[in-house]
């Protein structure tokens, strides 16, 4: 009787996001709503499970975890990459690893929501209204401002569309960004230095890798305008969080909208939680009804395909 573990379902939405009833009758599903990252505790919890369904990068699965789970046969992750999973170790242990697609709209829309919330003091003004106060802080119009995109892939390209619609001047840079891609998106290709010095809003849209880790460090932030905002919906470690915290505390940039962090969930004692010039969201850029439906529908599809001996969306070490 195959046992399925669904991990890190914080909002208890996994079972209602797909029809798990299409699985064979002898399959059982257990949902875990907490985040358990200690390797020994994780192994103890999952020892009797044959299938694990994981939300991307919430729980790390290193080699020692896969080595200690002899009953695990199928590992399904949301997304087609998961930096927290040692896929090679899983494959070495005979574990099939599969992924899912997702919504291409959720993260760029969230990036834009953070940008607008920063520009128009949405969180601050809501707090003021609830305290019985009225107008206390001027907002910023986006028209004519410079939007800098650190990365111009699918998500960055969509954000560029939003910026064009609002009449912003859009510039972009990344290590391999081409002039053809910039022309396609109606964006000006600039140097890395120009990106940081010219942007009124700097939005990050890169995949976390050895090349991008800590790419936005003290030197880069020192180039930013004092009235600039930093928006990050990609991955926390792309930014030197210590340097960003210092900049925000000292008001050397105007503010930030941050959805991703080096440690998630963000610790309760984090200094970021105490700042009044940062808007924080709990890694919800991908966290929509549509995304969850796609994730979990395809998890079920992956399990059925594996059950039939023809796994789909398989992931192997790159």
C-alpha atoms as a PDB file:
ATOM      1  CA  UNK A   1       0.000   0.000   0.000  1.00  0.00           C
ATOM      2  CA  UNK A   2       1.903   3.112  -1.192  1.00  0.00           C
ATOM      3  CA  UNK A   3       2.013   5.888   1.392  1.00  0.00           C
ATOM      4  CA  UNK A   4       2.193   9.508   0.202  1.00  0.00           C
ATOM      5  CA  UNK A   5       3.519  12.357   2.367  1.00  0.00           C
ATOM      6  CA  UNK A   6       2.637  15.926   1.400  1.00  0.00           C
ATOM      7  CA  UNK A   7       5.068  18.251   3.166  1.00  0.00           C
ATOM      8  CA  UNK A   8       4.950  21.865   4.316  1.00  0.00           C
ATOM      9  CA  UNK A   9       1.306  22.503   3.470  1.00  0.00           C
ATOM     10  CA  UNK A  10       1.241  25.631   5.637  1.00  0.00           C
ATOM     11  CA  UNK A  11      -2.270  26.700   4.625  1.00  0.00           C
ATOM     12  CA  UNK A  12      -3.750  23.201   4.420  1.00  0.00           C
ATOM     13  CA  UNK A  13      -4.593  23.753   0.755  1.00  0.00           C
ATOM     14  CA  UNK A  14      -2.956  20.765  -0.972  1.00  0.00           C
ATOM     15  CA  UNK A  15      -5.860  18.342  -0.809  1.00  0.00           C
ATOM     16  CA  UNK A  16      -8.417  20.890  -2.028  1.00  0.00           C
ATOM     17  CA  UNK A  17      -6.168  22.053  -4.893  1.00  0.00           C
ATOM     18  CA  UNK A  18      -6.361  18.788  -6.855  1.00  0.00           C
ATOM     19  CA  UNK A  19      -8.414  15.600  -7.150  1.00  0.00           C
ATOM     20  CA  UNK A  20      -6.328  13.131  -5.170  1.00  0.00           C
ATOM     21  CA  UNK A  21      -9.236  10.699  -5.365  1.00  0.00           C
ATOM     22  CA  UNK A  22      -8.177   9.632  -8.876  1.00  0.00           C
ATOM     23  CA  UNK A  23      -5.252   7.738  -7.368  1.00  0.00           C
ATOM     24  CA  UNK A  24      -5.672   3.970  -6.923  1.00  0.00           C
ATOM     25  CA  UNK A  25      -7.678   2.968  -3.848  1.00  0.00           C
ATOM     26  CA  UNK A  26      -4.686   1.481  -2.054  1.00  0.00           C
ATOM     27  CA  UNK A  27      -2.823   4.819  -1.977  1.00  0.00           C
ATOM     28  CA  UNK A  28      -2.943   6.742   1.295  1.00  0.00           C
ATOM     29  CA  UNK A  29      -2.181  10.452   1.670  1.00  0.00           C
ATOM     30  CA  UNK A  30      -0.855  12.144   4.813  1.00  0.00           C
ATOM     31  CA  UNK A  31      -0.502  15.922   4.985  1.00  0.00           C
ATOM     32  CA  UNK A  32       2.045  17.702   7.182  1.00  0.00           C
ATOM     33  CA  UNK A  33       1.441  21.394   7.842  1.00  0.00           C
ATOM     34  CA  UNK A  34       4.647  22.169   9.738  1.00  0.00           C
ATOM     35  CA  UNK A  35       8.199  22.743   8.521  1.00  0.00           C
ATOM     36  CA  UNK A  36      10.593  20.055   9.688  1.00  0.00           C
ATOM     37  CA  UNK A  37      14.181  20.524   8.526  1.00  0.00           C
ATOM     38  CA  UNK A  38      16.284  18.569  11.036  1.00  0.00           C
ATOM     39  CA  UNK A  39      17.605  15.609   8.983  1.00  0.00           C
ATOM     40  CA  UNK A  40      17.167  13.020  11.740  1.00  0.00           C
ATOM     41  CA  UNK A  41      13.648  14.117  12.567  1.00  0.00           C
ATOM     42  CA  UNK A  42      12.784  14.243   8.864  1.00  0.00           C
ATOM     43  CA  UNK A  43      14.025  10.686   8.323  1.00  0.00           C
ATOM     44  CA  UNK A  44      12.060   9.461  11.335  1.00  0.00           C
ATOM     45  CA  UNK A  45       8.885  11.082  10.011  1.00  0.00           C
ATOM     46  CA  UNK A  46       9.238   9.785   6.458  1.00  0.00           C
ATOM     47  CA  UNK A  47      10.668   6.322   7.081  1.00  0.00           C
ATOM     48  CA  UNK A  48       7.483   4.483   6.118  1.00  0.00           C
ATOM     49  CA  UNK A  49       6.522   6.651   3.145  1.00  0.00           C
ATOM     50  CA  UNK A  50       7.006   5.569  -0.461  1.00  0.00           C
ATOM     51  CA  UNK A  51       6.193   8.914  -2.094  1.00  0.00           C
ATOM     52  CA  UNK A  52       7.054  12.431  -0.945  1.00  0.00           C
ATOM     53  CA  UNK A  53       5.428  15.554  -2.402  1.00  0.00           C
ATOM     54  CA  UNK A  54       7.473  18.631  -1.506  1.00  0.00           C
ATOM     55  CA  UNK A  55       6.903  22.342  -1.911  1.00  0.00           C
ATOM     56  CA  UNK A  56       9.987  23.768  -3.589  1.00  0.00           C
ATOM     57  CA  UNK A  57      12.815  24.719  -1.227  1.00  0.00           C
ATOM     58  CA  UNK A  58      10.827  24.608   2.005  1.00  0.00           C
ATOM     59  CA  UNK A  59      12.456  21.421   3.298  1.00  0.00           C
ATOM     60  CA  UNK A  60      16.062  20.544   2.380  1.00  0.00           C
ATOM     61  CA  UNK A  61      16.647  16.990   1.149  1.00  0.00           C
ATOM     62  CA  UNK A  62      20.356  16.253   1.249  1.00  0.00           C
ATOM     63  CA  UNK A  63      22.137  13.012   0.445  1.00  0.00           C
ATOM     64  CA  UNK A  64      22.066  11.745   4.029  1.00  0.00           C
ATOM     65  CA  UNK A  65      18.267  12.002   4.079  1.00  0.00           C
ATOM     66  CA  UNK A  66      17.791  10.054   0.858  1.00  0.00           C
ATOM     67  CA  UNK A  67      20.383   7.481   2.005  1.00  0.00           C
ATOM     68  CA  UNK A  68      18.304   6.815   5.135  1.00  0.00           C
ATOM     69  CA  UNK A  69      14.921   6.355   3.421  1.00  0.00           C
ATOM     70  CA  UNK A  70      14.955   2.866   1.890  1.00  0.00           C
ATOM     71  CA  UNK A  71      11.203   2.838   1.299  1.00  0.00           C
ATOM     72  CA  UNK A  72      11.123   6.075  -0.685  1.00  0.00           C
ATOM     73  CA  UNK A  73      10.579   5.436  -4.399  1.00  0.00           C
ATOM     74  CA  UNK A  74       9.174   8.697  -5.812  1.00  0.00           C
ATOM     75  CA  UNK A  75       9.962  12.301  -4.911  1.00  0.00           C
ATOM     76  CA  UNK A  76       7.803  15.019  -6.476  1.00  0.00           C
ATOM     77  CA  UNK A  77       8.694  18.687  -6.136  1.00  0.00           C
ATOM     78  CA  UNK A  78       6.812  21.737  -7.276  1.00  0.00           C
ATOM     79  CA  UNK A  79       8.707  23.474 -10.052  1.00  0.00           C
ATOM     80  CA  UNK A  80      11.216  21.979 -12.464  1.00  0.00           C
ATOM     81  CA  UNK A  81      14.185  22.840 -10.260  1.00  0.00           C
ATOM     82  CA  UNK A  82      14.726  22.649  -6.526  1.00  0.00           C
ATOM     83  CA  UNK A  83      17.994  23.932  -5.085  1.00  0.00           C
ATOM     84  CA  UNK A  84      17.200  22.319  -1.729  1.00  0.00           C
ATOM     85  CA  UNK A  85      17.139  18.767  -3.128  1.00  0.00           C
ATOM     86  CA  UNK A  86      20.152  16.593  -3.941  1.00  0.00           C
ATOM     87  CA  UNK A  87      18.656  15.044  -7.068  1.00  0.00           C
ATOM     88  CA  UNK A  88      21.817  13.048  -7.824  1.00  0.00           C
ATOM     89  CA  UNK A  89      21.653  11.413  -4.377  1.00  0.00           C
ATOM     90  CA  UNK A  90      17.991  10.584  -4.890  1.00  0.00           C
ATOM     91  CA  UNK A  91      18.695   8.997  -8.263  1.00  0.00           C
ATOM     92  CA  UNK A  92      21.653   7.086  -6.789  1.00  0.00           C
ATOM     93  CA  UNK A  93      19.255   5.550  -4.287  1.00  0.00           C
ATOM     94  CA  UNK A  94      16.855   4.501  -7.035  1.00  0.00           C
ATOM     95  CA  UNK A  95      14.389   7.277  -6.271  1.00  0.00           C
ATOM     96  CA  UNK A  96      12.563   8.808  -9.226  1.00  0.00           C
ATOM     97  CA  UNK A  97      12.402  12.608  -8.998  1.00  0.00           C
ATOM     98  CA  UNK A  98       9.704  14.544 -10.869  1.00  0.00           C
ATOM     99  CA  UNK A  99       8.712  18.198 -11.038  1.00  0.00           C
ATOM    100  CA  UNK A 100       5.785  20.343 -12.073  1.00  0.00           C
ATOM    101  CA  UNK A 101       5.222  23.511 -14.010  1.00  0.00           C
ATOM    102  CA  UNK A 102       3.563  26.542 -12.435  1.00  0.00           C
ATOM    103  CA  UNK A 103       1.821  29.805 -13.162  1.00  0.00           C
ATOM    104  CA  UNK A 104       3.893  32.268 -15.163  1.00  0.00           C
ATOM    105  CA  UNK A 105       1.869  35.209 -13.858  1.00  0.00           C
ATOM    106  CA  UNK A 106       1.911  34.910 -10.080  1.00  0.00           C
ATOM    107  CA  UNK A 107       5.460  36.094  -9.313  1.00  0.00           C
ATOM    108  CA  UNK A 108       5.616  39.054 -11.743  1.00  0.00           C
ATOM    109  CA  UNK A 109       2.233  40.247 -10.472  1.00  0.00           C
ATOM    110  CA  UNK A 110       3.483  40.024  -6.893  1.00  0.00           C
ATOM    111  CA  UNK A 111       6.645  41.916  -7.819  1.00  0.00           C
ATOM    112  CA  UNK A 112       4.499  44.687  -9.223  1.00  0.00           C
ATOM    113  CA  UNK A 113       2.254  44.678  -6.166  1.00  0.00           C
ATOM    114  CA  UNK A 114       5.281  45.190  -3.916  1.00  0.00           C
ATOM    115  CA  UNK A 115       6.598  47.942  -6.170  1.00  0.00           C
ATOM    116  CA  UNK A 116       3.308  49.833  -6.119  1.00  0.00           C
ATOM    117  CA  UNK A 117       2.876  49.300  -2.388  1.00  0.00           C
ATOM    118  CA  UNK A 118       6.309  50.873  -1.848  1.00  0.00           C
ATOM    119  CA  UNK A 119       5.603  53.783  -4.186  1.00  0.00           C
ATOM    120  CA  UNK A 120       2.229  54.660  -2.687  1.00  0.00           C
ATOM    121  CA  UNK A 121       2.809  53.818   1.004  1.00  0.00           C
ATOM    122  CA  UNK A 122      -0.034  51.290   1.002  1.00  0.00           C
ATOM    123  CA  UNK A 123       0.920  49.468   4.197  1.00  0.00           C
ATOM    124  CA  UNK A 124       1.776  52.666   6.052  1.00  0.00           C
ATOM    125  CA  UNK A 125      -1.452  54.385   5.029  1.00  0.00           C
ATOM    126  CA  UNK A 126      -3.531  51.355   6.021  1.00  0.00           C
ATOM    127  CA  UNK A 127      -1.926  51.446   9.466  1.00  0.00           C
ATOM    128  CA  UNK A 128      -2.583  55.180   9.758  1.00  0.00           C
ATOM    129  CA  UNK A 129      -6.243  54.758   8.851  1.00  0.00           C
ATOM    130  CA  UNK A 130      -6.705  52.047  11.457  1.00  0.00           C
ATOM    131  CA  UNK A 131      -5.154  54.362  14.027  1.00  0.00           C
ATOM    132  CA  UNK A 132      -7.720  57.029  13.165  1.00  0.00           C
ATOM    133  CA  UNK A 133      -5.258  59.220  11.283  1.00  0.00           C
ATOM    134  CA  UNK A 134      -5.402  60.645   7.759  1.00  0.00           C
ATOM    135  CA  UNK A 135      -2.774  61.761   5.216  1.00  0.00           C
ATOM    136  CA  UNK A 136       0.769  61.518   6.610  1.00  0.00           C
ATOM    137  CA  UNK A 137       3.163  60.687   3.760  1.00  0.00           C
ATOM    138  CA  UNK A 138       3.421  61.614   0.072  1.00  0.00           C
ATOM    139  CA  UNK A 139       3.445  58.885  -2.552  1.00  0.00           C
ATOM    140  CA  UNK A 140       5.518  58.557  -5.728  1.00  0.00           C
ATOM    141  CA  UNK A 141       4.200  58.426  -9.288  1.00  0.00           C
ATOM    142  CA  UNK A 142       5.729  55.733 -11.494  1.00  0.00           C
ATOM    143  CA  UNK A 143       5.380  57.601 -14.787  1.00  0.00           C
ATOM    144  CA  UNK A 144       8.808  58.731 -15.981  1.00  0.00           C
ATOM    145  CA  UNK A 145      10.673  56.907 -13.215  1.00  0.00           C
ATOM    146  CA  UNK A 146      13.410  54.396 -14.050  1.00  0.00           C
ATOM    147  CA  UNK A 147      12.711  50.721 -13.484  1.00  0.00           C
ATOM    148  CA  UNK A 148      15.862  48.611 -13.325  1.00  0.00           C
ATOM    149  CA  UNK A 149      15.540  44.882 -13.933  1.00  0.00           C
ATOM    150  CA  UNK A 150      18.265  42.604 -12.655  1.00  0.00           C
ATOM    151  CA  UNK A 151      17.428  39.731 -14.980  1.00  0.00           C
ATOM    152  CA  UNK A 152      15.159  39.714 -18.018  1.00  0.00           C
ATOM    153  CA  UNK A 153      13.893  36.153 -18.304  1.00  0.00           C
ATOM    154  CA  UNK A 154      10.219  35.181 -18.351  1.00  0.00           C
ATOM    155  CA  UNK A 155       9.412  36.932 -15.069  1.00  0.00           C
ATOM    156  CA  UNK A 156      11.597  39.977 -15.713  1.00  0.00           C
ATOM    157  CA  UNK A 157      10.116  40.303 -19.184  1.00  0.00           C
ATOM    158  CA  UNK A 158       6.599  40.316 -17.778  1.00  0.00           C
ATOM    159  CA  UNK A 159       7.534  42.987 -15.226  1.00  0.00           C
ATOM    160  CA  UNK A 160       8.982  45.019 -18.111  1.00  0.00           C
ATOM    161  CA  UNK A 161       5.551  44.898 -19.753  1.00  0.00           C
ATOM    162  CA  UNK A 162       3.985  46.339 -16.610  1.00  0.00           C
ATOM    163  CA  UNK A 163       6.614  49.062 -16.456  1.00  0.00           C
ATOM    164  CA  UNK A 164       6.011  50.009 -20.082  1.00  0.00           C
ATOM    165  CA  UNK A 165       2.276  50.218 -19.423  1.00  0.00           C
ATOM    166  CA  UNK A 166       2.950  52.686 -16.592  1.00  0.00           C
ATOM    167  CA  UNK A 167       5.216  54.872 -18.735  1.00  0.00           C
ATOM    168  CA  UNK A 168       8.441  54.023 -16.931  1.00  0.00           C
ATOM    169  CA  UNK A 169      11.923  54.109 -18.445  1.00  0.00           C
ATOM    170  CA  UNK A 170      13.180  50.535 -18.247  1.00  0.00           C
ATOM    171  CA  UNK A 171      16.784  49.384 -18.092  1.00  0.00           C
ATOM    172  CA  UNK A 172      18.194  45.911 -17.516  1.00  0.00           C
ATOM    173  CA  UNK A 173      21.373  43.972 -16.901  1.00  0.00           C
ATOM    174  CA  UNK A 174      22.451  40.419 -16.144  1.00  0.00           C
ATOM    175  CA  UNK A 175      25.577  38.438 -16.861  1.00  0.00           C
ATOM    176  CA  UNK A 176      24.335  36.945 -20.133  1.00  0.00           C
ATOM    177  CA  UNK A 177      21.696  39.452 -21.178  1.00  0.00           C
ATOM    178  CA  UNK A 178      21.683  40.128 -24.915  1.00  0.00           C
ATOM    179  CA  UNK A 179      20.719  43.184 -26.920  1.00  0.00           C
ATOM    180  CA  UNK A 180      18.218  41.059 -28.859  1.00  0.00           C
ATOM    181  CA  UNK A 181      16.366  40.132 -25.658  1.00  0.00           C
ATOM    182  CA  UNK A 182      16.286  43.774 -24.551  1.00  0.00           C
ATOM    183  CA  UNK A 183      14.956  44.853 -27.944  1.00  0.00           C
ATOM    184  CA  UNK A 184      12.272  42.154 -27.707  1.00  0.00           C
ATOM    185  CA  UNK A 185      11.132  43.537 -24.330  1.00  0.00           C
ATOM    186  CA  UNK A 186      11.482  47.232 -25.168  1.00  0.00           C
ATOM    187  CA  UNK A 187      14.212  47.639 -22.582  1.00  0.00           C
ATOM    188  CA  UNK A 188      17.570  49.449 -22.633  1.00  0.00           C
ATOM    189  CA  UNK A 189      20.609  47.268 -22.009  1.00  0.00           C
ATOM    190  CA  UNK A 190      23.001  48.913 -19.528  1.00  0.00           C
ATOM    191  CA  UNK A 191      26.071  47.998 -17.518  1.00  0.00           C
ATOM    192  CA  UNK A 192      25.789  46.596 -14.023  1.00  0.00           C
ATOM    193  CA  UNK A 193      26.973  49.882 -12.560  1.00  0.00           C
ATOM    194  CA  UNK A 194      24.428  51.872 -14.553  1.00  0.00           C
ATOM    195  CA  UNK A 195      21.656  49.561 -13.426  1.00  0.00           C
ATOM    196  CA  UNK A 196      22.309  50.349  -9.779  1.00  0.00           C
ATOM    197  CA  UNK A 197      23.055  54.053 -10.178  1.00  0.00           C
ATOM    198  CA  UNK A 198      20.094  54.919 -12.434  1.00  0.00           C
ATOM    199  CA  UNK A 199      17.244  52.824 -11.044  1.00  0.00           C
ATOM    200  CA  UNK A 200      14.468  54.385  -8.994  1.00  0.00           C
ATOM    201  CA  UNK A 201      13.055  50.890  -8.516  1.00  0.00           C
ATOM    202  CA  UNK A 202      15.431  47.933  -8.803  1.00  0.00           C
ATOM    203  CA  UNK A 203      13.629  44.599  -9.186  1.00  0.00           C
ATOM    204  CA  UNK A 204      15.481  41.276  -9.029  1.00  0.00           C
ATOM    205  CA  UNK A 205      14.559  38.419 -11.370  1.00  0.00           C
ATOM    206  CA  UNK A 206      17.389  35.879 -11.346  1.00  0.00           C
ATOM    207  CA  UNK A 207      17.719  32.186 -10.579  1.00  0.00           C
ATOM    208  CA  UNK A 208      19.837  31.492  -7.494  1.00  0.00           C
ATOM    209  CA  UNK A 209      23.158  29.923  -8.490  1.00  0.00           C
ATOM    210  CA  UNK A 210      26.818  30.158  -7.568  1.00  0.00           C
ATOM    211  CA  UNK A 211      27.080  33.127  -9.956  1.00  0.00           C
ATOM    212  CA  UNK A 212      24.144  35.037  -8.489  1.00  0.00           C
ATOM    213  CA  UNK A 213      24.571  34.309  -4.790  1.00  0.00           C
ATOM    214  CA  UNK A 214      25.347  37.597  -2.984  1.00  0.00           C
ATOM    215  CA  UNK A 215      25.371  39.347  -6.373  1.00  0.00           C
ATOM    216  CA  UNK A 216      23.732  42.380  -4.770  1.00  0.00           C
ATOM    217  CA  UNK A 217      26.260  43.259  -2.117  1.00  0.00           C
ATOM    218  CA  UNK A 218      27.505  46.353  -0.263  1.00  0.00           C
ATOM    219  CA  UNK A 219      29.302  47.757  -3.305  1.00  0.00           C
ATOM    220  CA  UNK A 220      26.221  47.469  -5.501  1.00  0.00           C
ATOM    221  CA  UNK A 221      23.903  48.941  -2.891  1.00  0.00           C
ATOM    222  CA  UNK A 222      26.323  51.828  -2.344  1.00  0.00           C
ATOM    223  CA  UNK A 223      25.639  52.851  -5.943  1.00  0.00           C
ATOM    224  CA  UNK A 224      21.879  53.127  -5.441  1.00  0.00           C
ATOM    225  CA  UNK A 225      20.084  56.450  -5.133  1.00  0.00           C
ATOM    226  CA  UNK A 226      19.003  57.467  -1.657  1.00  0.00           C
ATOM    227  CA  UNK A 227      15.406  57.620  -2.948  1.00  0.00           C
ATOM    228  CA  UNK A 228      15.545  54.179  -4.612  1.00  0.00           C
ATOM    229  CA  UNK A 229      13.605  51.043  -3.707  1.00  0.00           C
ATOM    230  CA  UNK A 230      14.806  47.441  -3.944  1.00  0.00           C
ATOM    231  CA  UNK A 231      12.274  44.720  -4.831  1.00  0.00           C
ATOM    232  CA  UNK A 232      13.162  41.042  -4.421  1.00  0.00           C
ATOM    233  CA  UNK A 233      10.803  38.192  -5.298  1.00  0.00           C
ATOM    234  CA  UNK A 234      13.528  35.845  -6.593  1.00  0.00           C
ATOM    235  CA  UNK A 235      15.656  34.341  -3.817  1.00  0.00           C
ATOM    236  CA  UNK A 236      16.953  35.845  -0.594  1.00  0.00           C
ATOM    237  CA  UNK A 237      20.626  34.836  -0.938  1.00  0.00           C
ATOM    238  CA  UNK A 238      20.978  36.840  -4.163  1.00  0.00           C
ATOM    239  CA  UNK A 239      21.128  39.853  -1.833  1.00  0.00           C
ATOM    240  CA  UNK A 240      23.572  40.395   1.009  1.00  0.00           C
ATOM    241  CA  UNK A 241      20.920  40.689   3.705  1.00  0.00           C
ATOM    242  CA  UNK A 242      23.281  42.212   6.245  1.00  0.00           C
ATOM    243  CA  UNK A 243      24.224  45.004   3.852  1.00  0.00           C
ATOM    244  CA  UNK A 244      20.577  45.579   2.907  1.00  0.00           C
ATOM    245  CA  UNK A 245      19.548  45.746   6.541  1.00  0.00           C
ATOM    246  CA  UNK A 246      22.231  48.369   7.183  1.00  0.00           C
ATOM    247  CA  UNK A 247      21.143  50.449   4.177  1.00  0.00           C
ATOM    248  CA  UNK A 248      17.516  50.383   5.290  1.00  0.00           C
ATOM    249  CA  UNK A 249      18.303  51.210   8.910  1.00  0.00           C
ATOM    250  CA  UNK A 250      20.454  54.163   7.901  1.00  0.00           C
ATOM    251  CA  UNK A 251      17.880  55.290   5.269  1.00  0.00           C
ATOM    252  CA  UNK A 252      20.558  55.184   2.564  1.00  0.00           C
ATOM    253  CA  UNK A 253      17.916  53.785   0.252  1.00  0.00           C
ATOM    254  CA  UNK A 254      14.292  54.760   0.606  1.00  0.00           C
ATOM    255  CA  UNK A 255      12.869  51.321   1.113  1.00  0.00           C
ATOM    256  CA  UNK A 256      12.394  47.771  -0.050  1.00  0.00           C
ATOM    257  CA  UNK A 257       9.745  45.204  -0.886  1.00  0.00           C
ATOM    258  CA  UNK A 258      10.984  41.741   0.070  1.00  0.00           C
ATOM    259  CA  UNK A 259       9.266  38.399  -0.462  1.00  0.00           C
ATOM    260  CA  UNK A 260      12.233  36.029  -0.094  1.00  0.00           C
ATOM    261  CA  UNK A 261      14.834  35.504   2.608  1.00  0.00           C
ATOM    262  CA  UNK A 262      17.995  33.586   3.335  1.00  0.00           C
ATOM    263  CA  UNK A 263      16.212  31.700   6.115  1.00  0.00           C
ATOM    264  CA  UNK A 264      12.578  30.791   5.633  1.00  0.00           C
ATOM    265  CA  UNK A 265      10.259  31.075   7.434  1.00  0.00           C
ATOM    266  CA  UNK A 266      11.799  34.401   8.441  1.00  0.00           C
ATOM    267  CA  UNK A 267      12.757  34.175  12.137  1.00  0.00           C
ATOM    268  CA  UNK A 268      10.459  36.071  14.477  1.00  0.00           C
ATOM    269  CA  UNK A 269      13.423  38.001  15.861  1.00  0.00           C
ATOM    270  CA  UNK A 270      14.618  39.176  12.430  1.00  0.00           C
ATOM    271  CA  UNK A 271      15.571  42.838  12.314  1.00  0.00           C
ATOM    272  CA  UNK A 272      13.711  43.181   9.029  1.00  0.00           C
ATOM    273  CA  UNK A 273      10.436  42.809  10.921  1.00  0.00           C
ATOM    274  CA  UNK A 274      11.213  45.950  12.930  1.00  0.00           C
ATOM    275  CA  UNK A 275      11.823  48.366  10.045  1.00  0.00           C
ATOM    276  CA  UNK A 276       9.210  50.874   8.912  1.00  0.00           C
ATOM    277  CA  UNK A 277      10.661  51.327   5.411  1.00  0.00           C
ATOM    278  CA  UNK A 278      10.338  47.747   4.214  1.00  0.00           C
ATOM    279  CA  UNK A 279       7.292  45.791   3.056  1.00  0.00           C
ATOM    280  CA  UNK A 280       7.584  42.102   3.889  1.00  0.00           C
ATOM    281  CA  UNK A 281       5.607  39.206   2.459  1.00  0.00           C
ATOM    282  CA  UNK A 282       6.145  35.522   3.386  1.00  0.00           C
ATOM    283  CA  UNK A 283       7.438  34.144   0.060  1.00  0.00           C
ATOM    284  CA  UNK A 284       4.028  34.434  -1.565  1.00  0.00           C
ATOM    285  CA  UNK A 285       5.132  35.434  -5.050  1.00  0.00           C
ATOM    286  CA  UNK A 286       4.076  32.008  -6.340  1.00  0.00           C
ATOM    287  CA  UNK A 287       1.408  31.502  -3.684  1.00  0.00           C
ATOM    288  CA  UNK A 288      -1.892  31.771  -5.582  1.00  0.00           C
ATOM    289  CA  UNK A 289      -4.913  29.543  -6.130  1.00  0.00           C
ATOM    290  CA  UNK A 290      -3.907  29.052  -9.767  1.00  0.00           C
ATOM    291  CA  UNK A 291      -0.322  28.102  -8.938  1.00  0.00           C
ATOM    292  CA  UNK A 292      -1.456  25.646  -6.289  1.00  0.00           C
ATOM    293  CA  UNK A 293      -3.920  24.054  -8.684  1.00  0.00           C
ATOM    294  CA  UNK A 294      -1.183  23.551 -11.286  1.00  0.00           C
ATOM    295  CA  UNK A 295       1.309  22.267  -8.710  1.00  0.00           C
ATOM    296  CA  UNK A 296      -0.989  19.687  -7.176  1.00  0.00           C
ATOM    297  CA  UNK A 297      -2.789  18.596 -10.338  1.00  0.00           C
ATOM    298  CA  UNK A 298       0.600  17.785 -11.817  1.00  0.00           C
ATOM    299  CA  UNK A 299       1.751  16.073  -8.630  1.00  0.00           C
ATOM    300  CA  UNK A 300      -1.196  13.704  -9.020  1.00  0.00           C
ATOM    301  CA  UNK A 301      -0.387  13.258 -12.725  1.00  0.00           C
ATOM    302  CA  UNK A 302       3.222  12.452 -11.839  1.00  0.00           C
ATOM    303  CA  UNK A 303       2.175   9.834  -9.294  1.00  0.00           C
ATOM    304  CA  UNK A 304      -0.230   8.179 -11.742  1.00  0.00           C
ATOM    305  CA  UNK A 305       2.413   8.123 -14.487  1.00  0.00           C
ATOM    306  CA  UNK A 306       4.951   6.605 -12.101  1.00  0.00           C
ATOM    307  CA  UNK A 307       2.350   4.049 -10.961  1.00  0.00           C
ATOM    308  CA  UNK A 308       1.912   3.047 -14.617  1.00  0.00           C
ATOM    309  CA  UNK A 309       5.665   2.658 -15.065  1.00  0.00           C
ATOM    310  CA  UNK A 310       6.028   5.685 -17.326  1.00  0.00           C
ATOM    311  CA  UNK A 311       7.203   8.624 -15.152  1.00  0.00           C
ATOM    312  CA  UNK A 312       6.871  12.098 -16.599  1.00  0.00           C
ATOM    313  CA  UNK A 313       8.605  15.442 -15.914  1.00  0.00           C
ATOM    314  CA  UNK A 314      11.613  13.579 -14.528  1.00  0.00           C
ATOM    315  CA  UNK A 315      14.471  15.573 -13.034  1.00  0.00           C
ATOM    316  CA  UNK A 316      18.072  14.485 -13.110  1.00  0.00           C
ATOM    317  CA  UNK A 317      21.203  16.268 -11.981  1.00  0.00           C
ATOM    318  CA  UNK A 318      22.203  18.934 -14.515  1.00  0.00           C
END
